[in-house]
N, C-alpha and C. Protein backbone atom coordinates (compact mmCIF):
# COMPACT_ATOMS: atom_id res chain seq x y z
N UNK A 1 -13.06 5.22 -1.12
CA UNK A 1 -12.49 5.08 -2.43
C UNK A 1 -13.37 5.10 -3.31
N UNK A 2 -13.01 4.82 -4.49
CA UNK A 2 -13.99 4.80 -5.70
C UNK A 2 -14.55 3.47 -5.91
N UNK A 3 -15.89 3.12 -6.34
CA UNK A 3 -16.38 2.18 -6.38
C UNK A 3 -15.64 1.10 -7.44
N UNK A 4 -14.79 1.68 -8.52
CA UNK A 4 -14.25 0.89 -9.26
C UNK A 4 -13.04 0.56 -8.71
N UNK A 5 -12.47 0.96 -7.55
CA UNK A 5 -11.47 0.45 -6.93
C UNK A 5 -11.92 -0.75 -6.03
N UNK A 6 -13.12 -0.66 -5.46
CA UNK A 6 -13.71 -1.63 -4.47
C UNK A 6 -13.95 -2.80 -5.29
N UNK A 7 -14.69 -2.49 -6.43
CA UNK A 7 -14.62 -3.84 -7.49
C UNK A 7 -14.08 -4.77 -7.76
N UNK A 8 -12.76 -3.91 -8.31
CA UNK A 8 -11.55 -4.41 -8.61
C UNK A 8 -11.04 -5.36 -7.68
N UNK A 9 -10.99 -4.73 -6.45
CA UNK A 9 -10.14 -5.68 -5.41
C UNK A 9 -11.26 -6.96 -5.03
N UNK A 10 -12.20 -6.82 -5.19
CA UNK A 10 -13.47 -7.82 -4.95
C UNK A 10 -13.47 -8.79 -6.06
N UNK A 11 -12.63 -8.55 -7.05
CA UNK A 11 -12.80 -9.38 -8.38
C UNK A 11 -14.37 -9.17 -9.10
N UNK A 12 -14.93 -8.23 -8.89
CA UNK A 12 -16.51 -8.15 -9.32
C UNK A 12 -16.43 -7.30 -10.79
N UNK A 13 -17.51 -7.51 -11.49
CA UNK A 13 -17.41 -6.67 -12.63
C UNK A 13 -17.15 -5.30 -12.43
N UNK A 14 -16.57 -4.50 -13.23
CA UNK A 14 -16.00 -3.47 -13.42
C UNK A 14 -17.26 -2.56 -13.79
N UNK A 15 -17.31 -1.18 -13.04
CA UNK A 15 -18.31 -0.18 -13.69
C UNK A 15 -17.90 0.27 -15.32
N UNK A 16 -18.78 0.91 -15.70
CA UNK A 16 -18.54 1.56 -17.02
C UNK A 16 -17.35 2.70 -16.75
N UNK A 17 -16.53 2.80 -17.72
CA UNK A 17 -15.33 3.71 -17.61
C UNK A 17 -15.75 4.73 -18.84
N UNK A 18 -15.32 6.05 -18.47
CA UNK A 18 -15.27 7.28 -19.59
C UNK A 18 -13.77 7.51 -20.12
N UNK A 19 -13.06 6.42 -19.92
CA UNK A 19 -11.75 6.62 -21.03
C UNK A 19 -11.97 6.85 -22.17
N UNK A 20 -11.34 7.74 -22.91
CA UNK A 20 -11.29 8.15 -24.47
C UNK A 20 -11.60 6.52 -25.27
N UNK A 21 -12.20 6.28 -25.86
CA UNK A 21 -12.32 5.04 -26.71
C UNK A 21 -11.32 4.97 -27.52
N UNK A 22 -10.97 6.07 -28.34
CA UNK A 22 -10.02 6.04 -29.28
C UNK A 22 -8.59 5.95 -28.80
N UNK A 23 -8.25 6.23 -27.46
CA UNK A 23 -6.94 5.48 -27.00
C UNK A 23 -6.94 4.18 -26.42
N UNK A 24 -8.04 3.47 -26.38
CA UNK A 24 -8.14 2.20 -25.79
C UNK A 24 -7.17 1.26 -26.72
N UNK A 25 -7.17 1.27 -28.04
CA UNK A 25 -6.53 0.24 -28.81
C UNK A 25 -4.99 0.91 -28.99
N UNK A 26 -4.82 1.94 -28.87
CA UNK A 26 -3.56 2.31 -28.82
C UNK A 26 -2.65 1.51 -27.17
N UNK A 27 -3.44 2.14 -26.35
CA UNK A 27 -3.09 1.42 -24.79
C UNK A 27 -2.75 -0.15 -24.94
N UNK A 28 -3.57 -1.12 -25.73
CA UNK A 28 -3.71 -2.21 -25.83
C UNK A 28 -2.30 -2.49 -26.69
N UNK A 29 -2.10 -1.84 -27.50
CA UNK A 29 -0.52 -2.09 -28.52
C UNK A 29 0.36 -1.79 -27.77
N UNK A 30 0.30 -0.74 -26.91
CA UNK A 30 1.70 -0.07 -26.38
C UNK A 30 1.82 -1.69 -24.99
N UNK A 31 0.66 -1.72 -24.49
CA UNK A 31 0.62 -3.02 -23.44
C UNK A 31 1.55 -4.21 -24.14
N UNK A 32 0.94 -4.51 -25.37
CA UNK A 32 1.56 -5.75 -26.26
C UNK A 32 2.97 -5.71 -26.12
N UNK A 33 3.40 -4.30 -26.71
CA UNK A 33 4.91 -4.20 -26.95
C UNK A 33 5.40 -4.53 -25.68
N UNK A 34 5.18 -3.82 -24.69
CA UNK A 34 5.75 -4.22 -23.49
C UNK A 34 6.05 -5.43 -23.06
N UNK A 35 4.87 -6.42 -23.07
CA UNK A 35 4.81 -7.55 -22.50
C UNK A 35 6.11 -8.37 -23.48
N UNK A 36 6.44 -7.94 -24.63
CA UNK A 36 7.53 -8.92 -25.13
C UNK A 36 8.91 -8.15 -25.35
N UNK A 37 9.04 -7.13 -24.56
CA UNK A 37 10.07 -6.03 -24.46
C UNK A 37 10.98 -6.54 -23.16
N UNK A 38 12.14 -7.27 -23.64
CA UNK A 38 13.02 -7.41 -22.47
C UNK A 38 13.29 -6.14 -21.43
N UNK A 39 13.20 -4.84 -21.89
CA UNK A 39 13.83 -4.01 -20.90
C UNK A 39 12.66 -4.05 -20.02
N UNK A 40 11.34 -4.13 -20.20
CA UNK A 40 10.33 -4.10 -19.36
C UNK A 40 10.19 -5.29 -18.33
N UNK A 41 10.57 -6.19 -18.68
CA UNK A 41 10.99 -7.44 -17.67
C UNK A 41 12.20 -7.43 -16.84
N UNK A 42 13.23 -6.77 -17.44
CA UNK A 42 14.52 -6.97 -16.72
C UNK A 42 14.47 -6.93 -15.22
N UNK A 43 13.87 -5.91 -14.69
CA UNK A 43 13.69 -5.55 -13.37
C UNK A 43 12.93 -6.83 -12.41
N UNK A 44 12.13 -7.26 -13.13
CA UNK A 44 11.33 -8.63 -12.85
C UNK A 44 12.16 -9.65 -12.54
N UNK A 45 13.21 -10.06 -13.22
CA UNK A 45 14.06 -11.24 -13.29
C UNK A 45 14.93 -11.11 -12.37
N UNK A 46 14.99 -10.07 -11.49
CA UNK A 46 15.91 -10.08 -10.06
C UNK A 46 15.04 -10.67 -9.42
N UNK A 47 13.83 -10.84 -9.53
CA UNK A 47 12.69 -11.24 -8.22
C UNK A 47 12.34 -12.87 -8.56
N UNK A 48 12.35 -13.11 -9.89
CA UNK A 48 11.54 -14.22 -10.35
C UNK A 48 12.22 -14.53 -11.68
N UNK A 49 12.36 -15.93 -12.36
CA UNK A 49 12.90 -16.70 -13.38
C UNK A 49 12.50 -15.42 -14.76
N UNK A 50 13.20 -15.97 -15.79
CA UNK A 50 12.87 -14.99 -16.75
C UNK A 50 11.29 -15.55 -17.51
N UNK A 51 11.19 -16.77 -17.66
CA UNK A 51 10.14 -17.16 -17.67
C UNK A 51 8.70 -16.56 -17.01
N UNK A 52 8.83 -16.87 -15.59
CA UNK A 52 7.66 -16.09 -14.76
C UNK A 52 7.77 -14.76 -15.15
N UNK A 53 8.83 -14.00 -15.46
CA UNK A 53 8.85 -12.84 -15.79
C UNK A 53 7.46 -12.09 -16.77
N UNK A 54 7.46 -12.89 -17.92
CA UNK A 54 6.76 -12.80 -18.82
C UNK A 54 5.02 -12.63 -18.18
N UNK A 55 4.98 -13.64 -17.31
CA UNK A 55 3.22 -13.99 -16.79
C UNK A 55 3.33 -12.60 -15.85
N UNK A 56 4.36 -12.39 -15.15
CA UNK A 56 4.08 -11.56 -14.11
C UNK A 56 3.69 -9.94 -14.67
N UNK A 57 4.47 -9.73 -16.09
CA UNK A 57 4.23 -8.67 -16.61
C UNK A 57 2.71 -8.45 -17.26
N UNK A 58 2.19 -9.56 -17.46
CA UNK A 58 0.72 -9.80 -18.05
C UNK A 58 -0.02 -9.32 -16.94
N UNK A 59 0.38 -9.80 -15.51
CA UNK A 59 -0.20 -9.39 -14.43
C UNK A 59 -0.15 -7.95 -14.06
N UNK A 60 0.77 -7.42 -14.36
CA UNK A 60 1.23 -6.06 -14.39
C UNK A 60 0.50 -4.87 -15.44
N UNK A 61 0.45 -5.70 -16.36
CA UNK A 61 -0.48 -4.82 -17.18
C UNK A 61 -1.70 -4.99 -17.29
N UNK A 62 -2.37 -6.26 -17.34
CA UNK A 62 -3.82 -6.41 -17.65
C UNK A 62 -4.56 -7.25 -16.34
N UNK A 63 -4.16 -8.39 -15.63
CA UNK A 63 -5.05 -8.93 -14.69
C UNK A 63 -4.77 -9.03 -13.58
N UNK A 64 -3.62 -8.29 -12.90
CA UNK A 64 -3.44 -8.15 -11.44
C UNK A 64 -3.06 -9.59 -11.04
N UNK A 65 -3.17 -9.32 -9.48
CA UNK A 65 -2.78 -10.25 -8.56
C UNK A 65 -3.82 -10.85 -7.50
N UNK A 66 -3.33 -12.00 -7.21
CA UNK A 66 -4.13 -12.69 -6.17
C UNK A 66 -3.57 -13.41 -5.35
N UNK A 67 -3.89 -13.86 -4.10
CA UNK A 67 -2.83 -15.10 -3.48
C UNK A 67 -3.62 -16.46 -3.96
N UNK A 68 -2.57 -17.23 -3.65
CA UNK A 68 -3.18 -18.74 -4.15
C UNK A 68 -4.10 -19.17 -3.24
N UNK A 69 -5.32 -19.65 -4.18
CA UNK A 69 -6.46 -20.20 -3.57
C UNK A 69 -7.36 -19.08 -3.23
N UNK A 70 -6.83 -17.89 -3.46
CA UNK A 70 -8.24 -16.70 -3.25
C UNK A 70 -8.35 -15.83 -4.34
N UNK A 71 -8.98 -16.64 -5.85
CA UNK A 71 -9.16 -16.07 -7.14
C UNK A 71 -10.18 -15.10 -6.76
N UNK A 72 -10.83 -15.10 -5.77
CA UNK A 72 -12.37 -14.08 -5.83
C UNK A 72 -11.85 -12.50 -5.17
N UNK A 73 -10.58 -12.29 -4.72
CA UNK A 73 -10.03 -11.15 -4.35
C UNK A 73 -9.00 -10.91 -4.82
N UNK A 74 -8.45 -9.71 -5.22
CA UNK A 74 -7.34 -9.37 -5.68
C UNK A 74 -6.49 -8.42 -4.62
N UNK A 75 -5.18 -8.45 -4.97
CA UNK A 75 -4.67 -7.46 -4.09
C UNK A 75 -3.51 -6.49 -4.69
N UNK A 76 -3.25 -5.59 -4.46
CA UNK A 76 -2.01 -4.54 -4.93
C UNK A 76 -0.86 -5.43 -5.70
N UNK A 77 -0.67 -4.93 -6.61
CA UNK A 77 -0.91 -3.88 -7.65
C UNK A 77 -2.14 -4.02 -8.43
N UNK A 78 -2.54 -2.55 -8.76
CA UNK A 78 -3.90 -2.71 -9.75
C UNK A 78 -2.82 -2.61 -11.09
N UNK A 79 -3.38 -3.45 -12.07
CA UNK A 79 -2.66 -3.47 -13.32
C UNK A 79 -2.88 -2.08 -13.98
N UNK A 80 -1.99 -1.84 -15.06
CA UNK A 80 -1.70 -0.71 -15.51
C UNK A 80 -2.80 -0.28 -16.35
N UNK A 81 -3.26 -0.99 -17.15
CA UNK A 81 -4.74 -0.65 -17.82
C UNK A 81 -5.88 -0.55 -16.83
N UNK A 82 -6.00 -1.10 -16.03
CA UNK A 82 -7.08 -0.80 -15.21
C UNK A 82 -6.94 0.44 -14.68
N UNK A 83 -5.70 1.01 -14.14
CA UNK A 83 -5.66 2.19 -13.61
C UNK A 83 -6.01 3.27 -14.53
N UNK A 84 -5.45 2.86 -15.67
CA UNK A 84 -5.44 3.70 -16.88
C UNK A 84 -7.13 4.27 -16.96
N UNK A 85 -7.69 3.10 -17.11
CA UNK A 85 -9.13 3.40 -17.51
C UNK A 85 -9.86 3.97 -16.58
N UNK A 86 -9.47 4.14 -15.18
CA UNK A 86 -10.46 4.73 -14.27
C UNK A 86 -9.49 5.65 -13.40
N UNK A 87 -8.46 6.04 -13.72
CA UNK A 87 -7.98 7.11 -13.03
C UNK A 87 -8.08 8.43 -13.88
N UNK A 88 -8.48 9.51 -13.39
CA UNK A 88 -8.69 10.96 -14.02
C UNK A 88 -7.39 11.65 -13.86
N UNK A 89 -6.89 12.39 -14.58
CA UNK A 89 -7.14 13.10 -15.82
C UNK A 89 -6.77 12.18 -16.95
N UNK A 90 -7.65 12.09 -17.88
CA UNK A 90 -7.12 10.95 -19.09
C UNK A 90 -6.06 11.91 -19.97
N UNK A 91 -5.16 10.83 -20.56
CA UNK A 91 -4.49 11.64 -21.35
C UNK A 91 -4.93 12.10 -22.76
N UNK A 92 -4.11 13.03 -23.25
CA UNK A 92 -4.89 13.63 -24.35
C UNK A 92 -4.60 13.05 -25.63
N UNK A 93 -3.31 12.30 -25.87
CA UNK A 93 -2.92 11.71 -27.13
C UNK A 93 -1.97 10.51 -26.91
N UNK A 94 -1.42 10.06 -27.76
CA UNK A 94 -0.74 8.72 -27.41
C UNK A 94 0.73 8.81 -26.91
N UNK A 95 0.90 10.06 -26.96
CA UNK A 95 2.40 10.54 -26.09
C UNK A 95 2.05 10.70 -25.00
N UNK A 96 1.16 11.27 -24.37
CA UNK A 96 0.49 11.23 -22.90
C UNK A 96 0.12 9.90 -22.40
N UNK A 97 -0.41 9.34 -23.07
CA UNK A 97 -0.90 7.91 -22.94
C UNK A 97 0.50 6.95 -22.44
N UNK A 98 1.28 7.07 -23.33
CA UNK A 98 2.65 6.14 -23.14
C UNK A 98 3.09 6.82 -21.83
N UNK A 99 3.20 8.21 -21.32
CA UNK A 99 4.18 8.63 -20.49
C UNK A 99 3.01 8.26 -19.07
N UNK A 100 1.77 8.20 -19.34
CA UNK A 100 0.96 7.67 -17.89
C UNK A 100 1.14 6.38 -18.02
N UNK A 101 1.21 5.41 -19.10
CA UNK A 101 1.40 4.16 -19.06
C UNK A 101 2.47 3.54 -17.97
N UNK A 102 3.48 4.26 -18.45
CA UNK A 102 5.21 4.13 -18.11
C UNK A 102 5.02 4.55 -16.16
N UNK A 103 4.31 5.68 -16.06
CA UNK A 103 4.11 5.99 -14.63
C UNK A 103 3.31 4.91 -14.04
N UNK A 104 2.31 4.22 -14.33
CA UNK A 104 1.73 3.29 -13.74
C UNK A 104 2.33 1.93 -13.79
N UNK A 105 3.13 1.57 -14.66
CA UNK A 105 3.87 0.34 -14.82
C UNK A 105 4.98 0.50 -13.69
N UNK A 106 5.50 1.40 -13.48
CA UNK A 106 6.66 1.66 -12.37
C UNK A 106 5.89 1.60 -11.18
N UNK A 107 4.69 2.16 -10.97
CA UNK A 107 4.30 2.11 -9.73
C UNK A 107 3.74 0.56 -9.40
N UNK A 108 3.30 -0.03 -10.53
CA UNK A 108 2.54 -1.38 -10.29
C UNK A 108 3.82 -2.33 -9.84
N UNK A 109 5.07 -1.76 -10.35
CA UNK A 109 6.15 -2.89 -10.33
C UNK A 109 6.71 -2.53 -8.94
N UNK A 110 6.67 -1.32 -8.53
CA UNK A 110 7.05 -1.00 -6.79
C UNK A 110 6.02 -2.03 -6.04
N UNK A 111 4.86 -1.82 -6.25
CA UNK A 111 3.98 -2.61 -5.45
C UNK A 111 3.90 -4.21 -5.57
N UNK A 112 4.16 -4.72 -6.54
CA UNK A 112 4.32 -6.02 -6.75
C UNK A 112 5.68 -6.57 -5.93
N UNK A 113 6.88 -6.00 -5.78
CA UNK A 113 7.81 -6.19 -5.38
C UNK A 113 7.72 -6.10 -3.88
N UNK A 114 6.48 -5.13 -3.54
CA UNK A 114 6.13 -5.29 -2.18
C UNK A 114 5.37 -6.55 -1.69
N UNK A 115 4.52 -6.69 -2.69
CA UNK A 115 3.59 -7.92 -2.47
C UNK A 115 4.31 -9.32 -2.61
N UNK A 116 5.30 -9.17 -3.40
CA UNK A 116 6.39 -10.55 -3.54
C UNK A 116 7.01 -10.80 -1.84
N UNK A 117 7.39 -9.56 -1.52
CA UNK A 117 8.22 -9.92 -0.22
C UNK A 117 7.45 -10.02 0.94
N UNK A 118 6.01 -9.82 0.82
CA UNK A 118 5.55 -9.97 1.92
C UNK A 118 4.36 -11.27 1.96
N UNK A 119 4.34 -11.96 0.51
CA UNK A 119 3.60 -13.01 0.22
C UNK A 119 4.41 -14.18 -0.26
N UNK A 120 5.35 -13.88 -0.85
CA UNK A 120 6.22 -14.68 -1.23
C UNK A 120 5.39 -15.68 -2.36
N UNK A 121 5.97 -17.23 -2.40
CA UNK A 121 5.02 -17.93 -3.18
C UNK A 121 3.86 -18.00 -3.14
N UNK A 122 2.87 -17.34 -2.39
CA UNK A 122 1.37 -17.52 -2.30
C UNK A 122 1.07 -16.40 -3.52
N UNK A 123 1.89 -15.56 -3.81
CA UNK A 123 1.39 -14.45 -4.76
C UNK A 123 1.04 -14.98 -6.28
N UNK A 124 -0.04 -14.94 -6.89
CA UNK A 124 0.00 -15.25 -8.07
C UNK A 124 -0.78 -14.33 -9.05
N UNK A 125 -0.42 -14.41 -10.39
CA UNK A 125 -1.27 -13.47 -11.22
C UNK A 125 -2.68 -14.05 -11.42
N UNK A 126 -3.55 -12.92 -11.27
CA UNK A 126 -5.24 -13.36 -11.29
C UNK A 126 -5.45 -13.92 -12.80
N UNK A 127 -6.19 -14.94 -12.49
CA UNK A 127 -6.83 -15.43 -13.76
C UNK A 127 -7.83 -14.55 -14.42
């Protein structure tokens, strides 16, 4: 596995990435839009309360997840923005960026549901 992947799962400082810097602000803006967009949280509310869904969305987009009391390790899913920074090929423009982020969000949601079914209430949004 890639070194960034190992570092992320062990909650260590992440290595330098080569993601295009001009798209980072766009990715943050898109993620912030999604955080407050009910359509991105609606599938989560089948599993958690609407109040918890906002926090879970933040975990899916930015911080990831860990198990209660185990903040020094993370579990799948990797957050959208982390996966975006380290998974190549990088998007060429904002349209491709949004498409790739949607793909990664869908993947993260599927992995989160699996983790929730496996770990239940021990699953936490990582700090």
